[in-house]
Amino acid sequence: MNPTLILVRHGETALNTERRIRGWMDVHINEDTKAVIARTASRLSLFPLHNPLVSSDLTRAKETAEIIADDNFLEIELDERWRPWDVGFMTGMKLEEVIPAMNRYIDNPREEVPGGESFNKFFLRVKDAFREEVAAVVAQPEEVRVVVTHSRNIEAVRYFVTGDKKTLVQANSVAPGCATSWQIISGKLVEILVGDPASHEEKRDVEPANPES
């Protein structure tokens, strides 16, 4: 099989339903989202999964990872590099209120967000973690690796691979509790939605975008 890395977005929280920025705020997933995660876990059981799965260390990601791990008899390895962007003063605010500020910090990636971190710091740690996982699936293509992370991390990975940052602010291309996968096909990274192999992006080079552009 093609080397495959699956990225799972954590389940929905009360802040998701209110369209509020979560950042590093530690919140629990809600009850309704557990059924969605269970369906994702069932889809993942079709793959020869690497043990352990990797997860962000924030509670909403850990709770999501626990459902997937229990269903697939996996252990969990926590990795804080898969935390979302620490957006400091924007944490807890409604998305529509912070769009201009968030775009400004993305366009000026070295500028530190008050009370948080620069976009560049966030992007570089996600890039580092993603490249490490890609190297692992190349070394062991018979196993599919799973990472439970956050919406903006999934968009940061897409930006790294494609150079397209238009979804970095809205960060909603993968629904809470659902997953997307990156496969290496003919030396190119290709994004394929889990459970829908007919729906995929064009083949992309694995070269990074310039984080300072």
C-alpha atoms as a PDB file:
ATOM      1  CA  MET A   1       0.000   0.000   0.000  1.00  0.00           C
ATOM      2  CA  ASN A   2       1.029   3.614  -0.372  1.00  0.00           C
ATOM      3  CA  PRO A   3       2.680   5.182   2.690  1.00  0.00           C
ATOM      4  CA  THR A   4      -0.239   6.780   4.553  1.00  0.00           C
ATOM      5  CA  LEU A   5      -0.626   9.271   7.389  1.00  0.00           C
ATOM      6  CA  ILE A   6      -4.109  10.004   8.757  1.00  0.00           C
ATOM      7  CA  LEU A   7      -4.881  13.265  10.564  1.00  0.00           C
ATOM      8  CA  VAL A   8      -7.974  13.246  12.770  1.00  0.00           C
ATOM      9  CA  ARG A   9      -9.559  16.482  13.928  1.00  0.00           C
ATOM     10  CA  HIS A  10     -10.621  16.358  17.581  1.00  0.00           C
ATOM     11  CA  GLY A  11     -14.310  16.080  18.398  1.00  0.00           C
ATOM     12  CA  GLU A  12     -16.637  19.023  18.775  1.00  0.00           C
ATOM     13  CA  THR A  13     -16.625  21.185  21.914  1.00  0.00           C
ATOM     14  CA  ALA A  14     -19.031  23.811  23.213  1.00  0.00           C
ATOM     15  CA  LEU A  15     -16.662  26.466  21.853  1.00  0.00           C
ATOM     16  CA  ASN A  16     -16.872  24.914  18.372  1.00  0.00           C
ATOM     17  CA  THR A  17     -20.646  25.215  18.341  1.00  0.00           C
ATOM     18  CA  GLU A  18     -20.347  28.880  19.378  1.00  0.00           C
ATOM     19  CA  ARG A  19     -17.672  29.481  16.700  1.00  0.00           C
ATOM     20  CA  ARG A  20     -15.212  30.607  19.351  1.00  0.00           C
ATOM     21  CA  ILE A  21     -11.432  30.266  19.011  1.00  0.00           C
ATOM     22  CA  ARG A  22     -10.144  27.436  21.199  1.00  0.00           C
ATOM     23  CA  GLY A  23      -6.395  27.938  20.935  1.00  0.00           C
ATOM     24  CA  TRP A  24      -4.691  26.417  23.964  1.00  0.00           C
ATOM     25  CA  MET A  25      -7.830  26.659  26.121  1.00  0.00           C
ATOM     26  CA  ASP A  26      -8.333  23.176  27.574  1.00  0.00           C
ATOM     27  CA  VAL A  27     -11.944  22.120  26.986  1.00  0.00           C
ATOM     28  CA  HIS A  28     -13.774  18.799  26.811  1.00  0.00           C
ATOM     29  CA  ILE A  29     -15.522  17.319  23.792  1.00  0.00           C
ATOM     30  CA  ASN A  30     -19.313  17.166  23.970  1.00  0.00           C
ATOM     31  CA  GLU A  31     -21.392  13.987  24.188  1.00  0.00           C
ATOM     32  CA  ASP A  32     -22.932  14.203  20.711  1.00  0.00           C
ATOM     33  CA  THR A  33     -19.555  14.209  18.982  1.00  0.00           C
ATOM     34  CA  LYS A  34     -18.576  10.849  20.475  1.00  0.00           C
ATOM     35  CA  ALA A  35     -20.754   9.022  17.939  1.00  0.00           C
ATOM     36  CA  VAL A  36     -18.954  10.818  15.097  1.00  0.00           C
ATOM     37  CA  ILE A  37     -15.566   9.857  16.525  1.00  0.00           C
ATOM     38  CA  ALA A  38     -16.731   6.253  16.923  1.00  0.00           C
ATOM     39  CA  ARG A  39     -17.632   6.132  13.228  1.00  0.00           C
ATOM     40  CA  THR A  40     -14.188   7.497  12.370  1.00  0.00           C
ATOM     41  CA  ALA A  41     -12.609   4.893  14.642  1.00  0.00           C
ATOM     42  CA  SER A  42     -14.563   2.179  12.825  1.00  0.00           C
ATOM     43  CA  ARG A  43     -13.275   3.412   9.445  1.00  0.00           C
ATOM     44  CA  LEU A  44      -9.739   3.447  10.778  1.00  0.00           C
ATOM     45  CA  SER A  45     -10.084  -0.199  11.830  1.00  0.00           C
ATOM     46  CA  LEU A  46      -9.963  -1.072   8.122  1.00  0.00           C
ATOM     47  CA  PHE A  47      -6.304   0.024   8.034  1.00  0.00           C
ATOM     48  CA  PRO A  48      -3.234  -1.734   9.466  1.00  0.00           C
ATOM     49  CA  LEU A  49      -2.629   0.915  12.111  1.00  0.00           C
ATOM     50  CA  HIS A  50       0.692   1.712  13.730  1.00  0.00           C
ATOM     51  CA  ASN A  51       0.761   1.427  17.512  1.00  0.00           C
ATOM     52  CA  PRO A  52       0.784   3.889  19.248  1.00  0.00           C
ATOM     53  CA  LEU A  53      -1.304   6.607  17.672  1.00  0.00           C
ATOM     54  CA  VAL A  54      -0.076  10.157  18.272  1.00  0.00           C
ATOM     55  CA  SER A  55      -2.182  12.904  19.822  1.00  0.00           C
ATOM     56  CA  SER A  56      -1.983  16.519  20.841  1.00  0.00           C
ATOM     57  CA  ASP A  57      -1.774  16.728  24.625  1.00  0.00           C
ATOM     58  CA  LEU A  58      -4.811  19.002  25.015  1.00  0.00           C
ATOM     59  CA  THR A  59      -7.890  17.407  26.595  1.00  0.00           C
ATOM     60  CA  ARG A  60     -10.186  17.588  23.568  1.00  0.00           C
ATOM     61  CA  ALA A  61      -7.620  15.777  21.437  1.00  0.00           C
ATOM     62  CA  LYS A  62      -6.820  13.219  24.148  1.00  0.00           C
ATOM     63  CA  GLU A  63     -10.508  12.396  24.632  1.00  0.00           C
ATOM     64  CA  THR A  64     -10.862  11.899  20.878  1.00  0.00           C
ATOM     65  CA  ALA A  65      -7.724   9.750  20.763  1.00  0.00           C
ATOM     66  CA  GLU A  66      -8.989   7.585  23.629  1.00  0.00           C
ATOM     67  CA  ILE A  67     -12.139   6.641  21.696  1.00  0.00           C
ATOM     68  CA  ILE A  68     -10.104   5.733  18.613  1.00  0.00           C
ATOM     69  CA  ALA A  69      -7.461   3.898  20.632  1.00  0.00           C
ATOM     70  CA  ASP A  70      -9.999   1.868  22.613  1.00  0.00           C
ATOM     71  CA  ASP A  71     -11.810   0.811  19.449  1.00  0.00           C
ATOM     72  CA  ASN A  72      -8.573  -0.233  17.727  1.00  0.00           C
ATOM     73  CA  PHE A  73      -6.601  -1.597  20.718  1.00  0.00           C
ATOM     74  CA  LEU A  74      -3.942   1.085  20.462  1.00  0.00           C
ATOM     75  CA  GLU A  75      -1.849   3.011  22.932  1.00  0.00           C
ATOM     76  CA  ILE A  76      -1.531   6.806  22.805  1.00  0.00           C
ATOM     77  CA  GLU A  77       1.634   8.878  22.539  1.00  0.00           C
ATOM     78  CA  LEU A  78       1.195  12.558  23.398  1.00  0.00           C
ATOM     79  CA  ASP A  79       3.102  15.138  21.369  1.00  0.00           C
ATOM     80  CA  GLU A  80       2.654  18.825  22.205  1.00  0.00           C
ATOM     81  CA  ARG A  81       3.913  19.827  18.752  1.00  0.00           C
ATOM     82  CA  TRP A  82       0.434  18.891  17.502  1.00  0.00           C
ATOM     83  CA  ARG A  83      -1.169  21.549  19.720  1.00  0.00           C
ATOM     84  CA  PRO A  84      -2.978  24.293  17.796  1.00  0.00           C
ATOM     85  CA  TRP A  85      -1.734  27.824  17.292  1.00  0.00           C
ATOM     86  CA  ASP A  86      -1.523  29.636  20.636  1.00  0.00           C
ATOM     87  CA  VAL A  87      -3.460  32.724  19.618  1.00  0.00           C
ATOM     88  CA  GLY A  88      -3.149  34.455  22.988  1.00  0.00           C
ATOM     89  CA  PHE A  89      -5.605  37.328  23.397  1.00  0.00           C
ATOM     90  CA  MET A  90      -7.855  35.922  20.651  1.00  0.00           C
ATOM     91  CA  THR A  91      -8.599  32.760  22.647  1.00  0.00           C
ATOM     92  CA  GLY A  92     -12.304  32.449  23.443  1.00  0.00           C
ATOM     93  CA  MET A  93     -13.327  35.201  21.044  1.00  0.00           C
ATOM     94  CA  LYS A  94     -15.752  34.605  18.178  1.00  0.00           C
ATOM     95  CA  LEU A  95     -14.085  33.790  14.879  1.00  0.00           C
ATOM     96  CA  GLU A  96     -15.693  36.675  12.997  1.00  0.00           C
ATOM     97  CA  GLU A  97     -14.309  39.096  15.588  1.00  0.00           C
ATOM     98  CA  VAL A  98     -10.687  38.023  15.106  1.00  0.00           C
ATOM     99  CA  ILE A  99     -10.458  37.377  11.363  1.00  0.00           C
ATOM    100  CA  PRO A 100      -8.684  40.700  10.597  1.00  0.00           C
ATOM    101  CA  ALA A 101      -6.175  40.234  13.440  1.00  0.00           C
ATOM    102  CA  MET A 102      -5.557  36.587  12.585  1.00  0.00           C
ATOM    103  CA  ASN A 103      -4.915  37.441   8.940  1.00  0.00           C
ATOM    104  CA  ARG A 104      -2.471  40.145  10.028  1.00  0.00           C
ATOM    105  CA  TYR A 105      -0.432  37.703  12.131  1.00  0.00           C
ATOM    106  CA  ILE A 106      -0.442  35.137   9.302  1.00  0.00           C
ATOM    107  CA  ASP A 107       0.770  37.818   6.883  1.00  0.00           C
ATOM    108  CA  ASN A 108       3.424  38.908   9.411  1.00  0.00           C
ATOM    109  CA  PRO A 109       4.473  35.438  10.617  1.00  0.00           C
ATOM    110  CA  ARG A 110       7.351  36.533  12.864  1.00  0.00           C
ATOM    111  CA  GLU A 111       5.183  38.883  14.928  1.00  0.00           C
ATOM    112  CA  GLU A 112       4.286  37.331  18.272  1.00  0.00           C
ATOM    113  CA  VAL A 113       0.632  37.299  19.255  1.00  0.00           C
ATOM    114  CA  PRO A 114       0.276  39.005  22.678  1.00  0.00           C
ATOM    115  CA  GLY A 115      -0.108  36.244  25.234  1.00  0.00           C
ATOM    116  CA  GLY A 116       0.557  33.584  22.589  1.00  0.00           C
ATOM    117  CA  GLU A 117       3.022  32.678  19.861  1.00  0.00           C
ATOM    118  CA  SER A 118       3.875  33.890  16.367  1.00  0.00           C
ATOM    119  CA  PHE A 119       2.373  32.100  13.391  1.00  0.00           C
ATOM    120  CA  ASN A 120       5.895  31.172  12.346  1.00  0.00           C
ATOM    121  CA  LYS A 121       6.571  29.369  15.641  1.00  0.00           C
ATOM    122  CA  PHE A 122       3.317  27.430  15.291  1.00  0.00           C
ATOM    123  CA  PHE A 123       3.874  26.607  11.640  1.00  0.00           C
ATOM    124  CA  LEU A 124       7.457  25.437  12.100  1.00  0.00           C
ATOM    125  CA  ARG A 125       6.628  23.047  14.942  1.00  0.00           C
ATOM    126  CA  VAL A 126       3.716  21.545  12.982  1.00  0.00           C
ATOM    127  CA  LYS A 127       5.937  21.230   9.924  1.00  0.00           C
ATOM    128  CA  ASP A 128       8.588  19.471  12.008  1.00  0.00           C
ATOM    129  CA  ALA A 129       6.069  17.018  13.489  1.00  0.00           C
ATOM    130  CA  PHE A 130       4.472  16.342  10.096  1.00  0.00           C
ATOM    131  CA  ARG A 131       7.786  15.696   8.355  1.00  0.00           C
ATOM    132  CA  GLU A 132       8.730  13.285  11.139  1.00  0.00           C
ATOM    133  CA  GLU A 133       5.495  11.341  10.636  1.00  0.00           C
ATOM    134  CA  VAL A 134       5.927  11.290   6.862  1.00  0.00           C
ATOM    135  CA  ALA A 135       9.459   9.932   7.261  1.00  0.00           C
ATOM    136  CA  ALA A 136       8.063   7.210   9.540  1.00  0.00           C
ATOM    137  CA  VAL A 137       5.416   6.063   7.050  1.00  0.00           C
ATOM    138  CA  VAL A 138       8.027   6.008   4.291  1.00  0.00           C
ATOM    139  CA  ALA A 139      10.220   3.801   6.477  1.00  0.00           C
ATOM    140  CA  GLN A 140       7.299   1.510   7.367  1.00  0.00           C
ATOM    141  CA  PRO A 141       4.754   1.758   4.526  1.00  0.00           C
ATOM    142  CA  GLU A 142       2.951  -1.384   5.693  1.00  0.00           C
ATOM    143  CA  GLU A 143       1.589   0.551   8.700  1.00  0.00           C
ATOM    144  CA  VAL A 144      -0.771   3.527   8.628  1.00  0.00           C
ATOM    145  CA  ARG A 145       0.060   6.191  11.209  1.00  0.00           C
ATOM    146  CA  VAL A 146      -2.661   8.218  12.928  1.00  0.00           C
ATOM    147  CA  VAL A 147      -2.365  11.660  14.539  1.00  0.00           C
ATOM    148  CA  VAL A 148      -5.201  13.313  16.476  1.00  0.00           C
ATOM    149  CA  THR A 149      -4.818  17.062  16.251  1.00  0.00           C
ATOM    150  CA  HIS A 150      -6.664  20.348  15.678  1.00  0.00           C
ATOM    151  CA  SER A 151      -8.307  22.055  12.722  1.00  0.00           C
ATOM    152  CA  ARG A 152      -5.679  24.733  12.203  1.00  0.00           C
ATOM    153  CA  ASN A 153      -2.916  22.114  12.319  1.00  0.00           C
ATOM    154  CA  ILE A 154      -4.616  20.251   9.481  1.00  0.00           C
ATOM    155  CA  GLU A 155      -4.761  23.503   7.512  1.00  0.00           C
ATOM    156  CA  ALA A 156      -1.109  24.263   8.361  1.00  0.00           C
ATOM    157  CA  VAL A 157      -0.121  20.880   6.927  1.00  0.00           C
ATOM    158  CA  ARG A 158      -2.055  21.684   3.768  1.00  0.00           C
ATOM    159  CA  TYR A 159      -0.289  25.055   3.578  1.00  0.00           C
ATOM    160  CA  PHE A 160       3.079  23.332   4.013  1.00  0.00           C
ATOM    161  CA  VAL A 161       2.379  20.899   1.173  1.00  0.00           C
ATOM    162  CA  THR A 162       0.552  23.192  -1.250  1.00  0.00           C
ATOM    163  CA  GLY A 163       1.572  26.747  -0.325  1.00  0.00           C
ATOM    164  CA  ASP A 164      -2.129  27.694  -0.216  1.00  0.00           C
ATOM    165  CA  LYS A 165      -3.046  29.531   2.989  1.00  0.00           C
ATOM    166  CA  LYS A 166      -6.597  30.606   2.153  1.00  0.00           C
ATOM    167  CA  THR A 167      -8.144  28.104   4.617  1.00  0.00           C
ATOM    168  CA  LEU A 168      -5.856  28.902   7.562  1.00  0.00           C
ATOM    169  CA  VAL A 169      -8.296  31.301   9.242  1.00  0.00           C
ATOM    170  CA  GLN A 170     -11.646  29.521   8.773  1.00  0.00           C
ATOM    171  CA  ALA A 171      -9.972  26.123   9.404  1.00  0.00           C
ATOM    172  CA  ASN A 172     -13.115  24.074   8.765  1.00  0.00           C
ATOM    173  CA  SER A 173     -12.268  21.814   5.825  1.00  0.00           C
ATOM    174  CA  VAL A 174     -12.405  18.721   8.072  1.00  0.00           C
ATOM    175  CA  ALA A 175     -15.411  18.393  10.385  1.00  0.00           C
ATOM    176  CA  PRO A 176     -14.898  17.751  14.117  1.00  0.00           C
ATOM    177  CA  GLY A 177     -14.224  14.088  14.810  1.00  0.00           C
ATOM    178  CA  CYS A 178     -13.490  13.337  11.162  1.00  0.00           C
ATOM    179  CA  ALA A 179     -10.254  12.664   9.310  1.00  0.00           C
ATOM    180  CA  THR A 180      -8.205  13.268   6.218  1.00  0.00           C
ATOM    181  CA  SER A 181      -5.188  11.318   4.998  1.00  0.00           C
ATOM    182  CA  TRP A 182      -1.964  12.060   3.187  1.00  0.00           C
ATOM    183  CA  GLN A 183      -0.608   9.333   0.934  1.00  0.00           C
ATOM    184  CA  ILE A 184       2.672   9.291  -0.944  1.00  0.00           C
ATOM    185  CA  ILE A 185       1.959   8.304  -4.535  1.00  0.00           C
ATOM    186  CA  SER A 186       4.784   8.365  -7.089  1.00  0.00           C
ATOM    187  CA  GLY A 187       6.834  10.554  -4.769  1.00  0.00           C
ATOM    188  CA  LYS A 188       4.042  13.108  -4.303  1.00  0.00           C
ATOM    189  CA  LEU A 189       1.877  13.826  -1.269  1.00  0.00           C
ATOM    190  CA  VAL A 190      -1.805  13.424  -2.116  1.00  0.00           C
ATOM    191  CA  GLU A 191      -4.628  14.311   0.261  1.00  0.00           C
ATOM    192  CA  ILE A 192      -7.444  11.758   0.350  1.00  0.00           C
ATOM    193  CA  LEU A 193     -10.526  11.966   2.561  1.00  0.00           C
ATOM    194  CA  VAL A 194     -10.830   8.911   4.787  1.00  0.00           C
ATOM    195  CA  GLY A 195     -13.738   6.738   3.689  1.00  0.00           C
ATOM    196  CA  ASP A 196     -14.029   8.534   0.341  1.00  0.00           C
ATOM    197  CA  PRO A 197     -11.074   7.484  -1.851  1.00  0.00           C
ATOM    198  CA  ALA A 198     -12.688   9.006  -4.932  1.00  0.00           C
ATOM    199  CA  SER A 199     -12.420  12.471  -3.384  1.00  0.00           C
ATOM    200  CA  HIS A 200      -8.852  13.734  -3.355  1.00  0.00           C
ATOM    201  CA  GLU A 201      -6.625  16.643  -4.164  1.00  0.00           C
ATOM    202  CA  GLU A 202      -4.169  16.845  -7.033  1.00  0.00           C
ATOM    203  CA  LYS A 203      -0.729  15.372  -6.513  1.00  0.00           C
ATOM    204  CA  ARG A 204       1.461  17.801  -4.583  1.00  0.00           C
ATOM    205  CA  ASP A 205       5.196  18.108  -4.115  1.00  0.00           C
ATOM    206  CA  VAL A 206       6.477  17.632  -0.572  1.00  0.00           C
ATOM    207  CA  GLU A 207       8.475  20.872  -0.680  1.00  0.00           C
ATOM    208  CA  PRO A 208       7.518  23.372   2.051  1.00  0.00           C
ATOM    209  CA  ALA A 209       6.046  26.771   1.444  1.00  0.00           C
ATOM    210  CA  ASN A 210       8.064  29.713   2.684  1.00  0.00           C
ATOM    211  CA  PRO A 211       6.753  30.348   6.224  1.00  0.00           C
ATOM    212  CA  GLU A 212       7.833  33.964   6.017  1.00  0.00           C
ATOM    213  CA  SER A 213       6.009  34.801   2.825  1.00  0.00           C
END
